[in-house]
Amino acid sequence: MLRNLLILGVFVGLSALIPILYQSNPDAFYALLSSATRDTPAKPDVDMATAKTQPAAAQPLGRKVLIQSDGRGHYAAAFKLNGRQIDALVDTGATLVAINVSTARRVGISVNPSDFKHAVATANGTVKAAMVNVDSLQIGRISLDDVQAVVLDDHALTTNLIGMSFLNRLGKFQAQDGALLLVQ
């Protein structure tokens, strides 16, 4: 009985190492997997003609996240805003995190018409915005509290943007090999 428990414990321990190996070095994981199977490489090729324009799943790497660019070269991913999932584009040209009114309501941020008193320059011109602080903004294991943001009308902002008010508080962010690396 004790021998069976010991074997089970070793099996469980080794199984727990697989995600850790993958997160620490995905290329080494694929190389190990490929050499073990002696088949074609485990990494799938991507056909850009059929690439989806929806946000790619961000790859959590501990306190690091790697966001692959989509077919248009944008870094889109699923974030958690106040604990609720939203899709957003990472935009280094945006000074602040920017969300539309619909998203604000969905994540529990209340704004009144009188709150829209700040002029904000956008790609489509100047619009009125409400300044808010987001309780928490998270992607993977990266999480920041009390992030400054603006709320814009749904017609002025159709895609939520993760701007520099989030990015500047990270330890590092950098584009590399068609992906954006975020490090807390």
Protein backbone atom coordinates (compact mmCIF):
# COMPACT_ATOMS: atom_id res chain seq x y z
CA MET A 1 0.00 0.00 0.00
CA LEU A 2 2.76 2.42 0.93
CA ARG A 3 4.61 1.53 -2.26
CA ASN A 4 1.50 2.37 -4.33
CA LEU A 5 1.13 5.70 -2.56
CA LEU A 6 4.80 6.49 -3.19
CA ILE A 7 4.47 5.68 -6.90
CA LEU A 8 1.30 7.79 -7.10
CA GLY A 9 3.08 10.68 -5.34
CA VAL A 10 5.99 10.55 -7.80
CA PHE A 11 3.56 10.46 -10.73
CA VAL A 12 1.60 13.45 -9.41
CA GLY A 13 4.82 15.38 -8.71
CA LEU A 14 6.14 14.79 -12.23
CA SER A 15 2.78 15.72 -13.72
CA ALA A 16 2.92 19.05 -11.87
CA LEU A 17 6.29 19.83 -13.47
CA ILE A 18 4.92 19.76 -17.04
CA PRO A 19 3.13 23.16 -16.85
CA ILE A 20 6.09 24.67 -15.02
CA LEU A 21 8.48 23.49 -17.75
CA TYR A 22 6.18 24.84 -20.45
CA GLN A 23 5.76 28.24 -18.78
CA SER A 24 9.45 28.68 -18.08
CA ASN A 25 10.60 27.82 -21.61
CA PRO A 26 8.01 26.84 -24.23
CA ASP A 27 10.66 26.21 -26.91
CA ALA A 28 12.50 23.69 -24.73
CA PHE A 29 9.18 22.01 -23.95
CA TYR A 30 8.38 21.63 -27.67
CA ALA A 31 11.91 20.37 -28.37
CA LEU A 32 11.59 17.79 -25.59
CA LEU A 33 8.16 16.76 -26.80
CA SER A 34 9.37 16.51 -30.39
CA SER A 35 12.40 14.41 -29.47
CA ALA A 36 10.25 12.10 -27.34
CA THR A 37 7.74 11.44 -30.12
CA ARG A 38 10.24 11.45 -33.01
CA ASP A 39 7.48 12.86 -35.19
CA THR A 40 7.08 16.13 -37.01
CA PRO A 41 7.69 19.23 -34.88
CA ALA A 42 4.99 19.84 -32.29
CA LYS A 43 4.67 23.57 -33.05
CA PRO A 44 1.82 24.15 -35.48
CA ASP A 45 2.31 26.41 -38.49
CA VAL A 46 -0.03 29.38 -38.76
CA ASP A 47 -1.77 30.15 -42.01
CA MET A 48 -2.15 33.95 -42.09
CA ALA A 49 -5.01 33.68 -44.57
CA THR A 50 -7.15 31.92 -41.97
CA ALA A 51 -5.85 33.79 -38.93
CA LYS A 52 -8.66 34.99 -36.67
CA THR A 53 -9.02 38.65 -35.80
CA GLN A 54 -10.40 37.85 -32.36
CA PRO A 55 -8.15 38.30 -29.34
CA ALA A 56 -5.59 35.55 -28.99
CA ALA A 57 -5.26 33.78 -25.69
CA ALA A 58 -2.46 35.41 -23.76
CA GLN A 59 0.22 32.98 -22.62
CA PRO A 60 0.85 33.36 -18.90
CA LEU A 61 4.48 32.83 -17.94
CA GLY A 62 4.41 33.40 -14.18
CA ARG A 63 4.38 37.18 -13.67
CA LYS A 64 4.97 37.51 -17.41
CA VAL A 65 2.41 37.40 -20.20
CA LEU A 66 3.07 36.99 -23.91
CA ILE A 67 0.39 38.36 -26.26
CA GLN A 68 0.68 37.24 -29.88
CA SER A 69 -0.17 39.83 -32.52
CA ASP A 70 -3.28 39.18 -34.54
CA GLY A 71 -3.51 39.14 -38.33
CA ARG A 72 -3.57 42.96 -38.38
CA GLY A 73 -0.50 43.31 -36.15
CA HIS A 74 -2.52 44.38 -33.09
CA TYR A 75 -2.03 43.01 -29.60
CA ALA A 76 -5.53 42.00 -28.54
CA ALA A 77 -6.20 39.91 -25.46
CA ALA A 78 -8.73 39.10 -22.76
CA PHE A 79 -8.20 41.13 -19.59
CA LYS A 80 -10.08 41.13 -16.30
CA LEU A 81 -11.39 44.53 -15.29
CA ASN A 82 -12.76 44.57 -11.73
CA GLY A 83 -12.89 40.77 -11.95
CA ARG A 84 -14.92 40.64 -15.19
CA GLN A 85 -13.48 39.57 -18.52
CA ILE A 86 -13.20 42.15 -21.28
CA ASP A 87 -11.49 42.10 -24.67
CA ALA A 88 -9.07 44.96 -25.27
CA LEU A 89 -6.23 46.13 -27.48
CA VAL A 90 -2.91 47.07 -25.93
CA ASP A 91 -2.23 50.59 -27.22
CA THR A 92 1.08 52.27 -26.38
CA GLY A 93 -0.26 55.42 -28.03
CA ALA A 94 -3.06 55.72 -25.47
CA THR A 95 -2.11 57.70 -22.36
CA LEU A 96 -4.76 56.00 -20.22
CA VAL A 97 -6.77 52.82 -20.16
CA ALA A 98 -9.92 53.64 -22.14
CA ILE A 99 -13.21 51.78 -21.89
CA ASN A 100 -16.61 52.48 -23.36
CA VAL A 101 -19.78 53.12 -21.35
CA SER A 102 -21.17 49.62 -21.99
CA THR A 103 -18.04 48.00 -20.60
CA ALA A 104 -18.01 50.38 -17.62
CA ARG A 105 -21.56 49.39 -16.70
CA ARG A 106 -20.80 45.69 -17.11
CA VAL A 107 -17.81 45.86 -14.72
CA GLY A 108 -19.59 47.95 -12.10
CA ILE A 109 -18.25 51.44 -12.88
CA SER A 110 -21.00 54.01 -12.56
CA VAL A 111 -20.73 57.25 -14.53
CA ASN A 112 -23.25 60.08 -14.82
CA PRO A 113 -23.67 62.38 -17.81
CA SER A 114 -22.19 65.20 -15.70
CA ASP A 115 -18.96 63.15 -15.30
CA PHE A 116 -18.15 63.58 -19.00
CA LYS A 117 -16.30 66.89 -18.59
CA HIS A 118 -12.76 66.06 -19.74
CA ALA A 119 -11.72 66.65 -23.35
CA VAL A 120 -9.78 63.68 -24.74
CA ALA A 121 -7.96 63.64 -28.09
CA THR A 122 -8.65 60.45 -30.02
CA ALA A 123 -7.83 59.27 -33.52
CA ASN A 124 -11.31 60.45 -34.51
CA GLY A 125 -11.04 63.89 -32.90
CA THR A 126 -11.72 65.36 -29.49
CA VAL A 127 -14.48 63.82 -27.36
CA LYS A 128 -15.72 64.21 -23.80
CA ALA A 129 -14.69 61.56 -21.27
CA ALA A 130 -15.24 60.68 -17.64
CA MET A 131 -12.15 60.05 -15.47
CA VAL A 132 -12.35 56.93 -13.27
CA ASN A 133 -10.06 54.65 -11.31
CA VAL A 134 -10.37 50.93 -12.04
CA ASP A 135 -10.18 48.84 -8.88
CA SER A 136 -8.21 46.06 -10.56
CA LEU A 137 -6.89 45.27 -14.04
CA GLN A 138 -5.47 41.83 -14.69
CA ILE A 139 -4.04 39.67 -17.46
CA GLY A 140 -2.72 36.25 -16.55
CA ARG A 141 -0.97 36.58 -13.20
CA ILE A 142 -0.21 40.24 -13.77
CA SER A 143 -2.56 42.35 -11.68
CA LEU A 144 -2.59 46.04 -10.84
CA ASP A 145 -4.93 47.87 -8.49
CA ASP A 146 -6.24 51.44 -8.75
CA VAL A 147 -5.49 52.05 -12.44
CA GLN A 148 -6.45 55.43 -13.89
CA ALA A 149 -8.83 55.19 -16.86
CA VAL A 150 -11.29 57.15 -18.97
CA VAL A 151 -14.80 56.19 -20.00
CA LEU A 152 -15.95 57.28 -23.45
CA ASP A 153 -19.27 57.04 -25.23
CA ASP A 154 -19.82 53.76 -27.10
CA HIS A 155 -19.85 55.62 -30.44
CA ALA A 156 -16.49 57.25 -29.70
CA LEU A 157 -14.80 54.03 -28.55
CA THR A 158 -15.80 50.66 -29.97
CA THR A 159 -12.72 48.76 -28.72
CA ASN A 160 -11.42 48.97 -25.16
CA LEU A 161 -7.80 50.10 -24.95
CA ILE A 162 -5.10 49.20 -22.45
CA GLY A 163 -2.96 52.32 -22.37
CA MET A 164 0.12 53.62 -20.63
CA SER A 165 -1.59 54.09 -17.23
CA PHE A 166 -1.38 50.28 -17.02
CA LEU A 167 1.79 49.64 -19.05
CA ASN A 168 3.97 52.22 -17.23
CA ARG A 169 3.31 50.44 -13.94
CA LEU A 170 4.73 47.16 -15.23
CA GLY A 171 8.35 46.20 -14.76
CA LYS A 172 8.76 45.88 -18.51
CA PHE A 173 6.84 45.64 -21.76
CA GLN A 174 8.40 45.00 -25.13
CA ALA A 175 7.52 43.81 -28.60
CA GLN A 176 9.53 40.82 -29.75
CA ASP A 177 9.10 38.34 -32.61
CA GLY A 178 5.49 39.29 -33.37
CA ALA A 179 4.44 39.22 -29.73
CA LEU A 180 4.18 41.67 -26.84
CA LEU A 181 5.86 40.65 -23.59
CA LEU A 182 4.41 42.11 -20.38
CA VAL A 183 6.38 41.65 -17.15
CA GLN A 184 5.30 42.68 -13.67
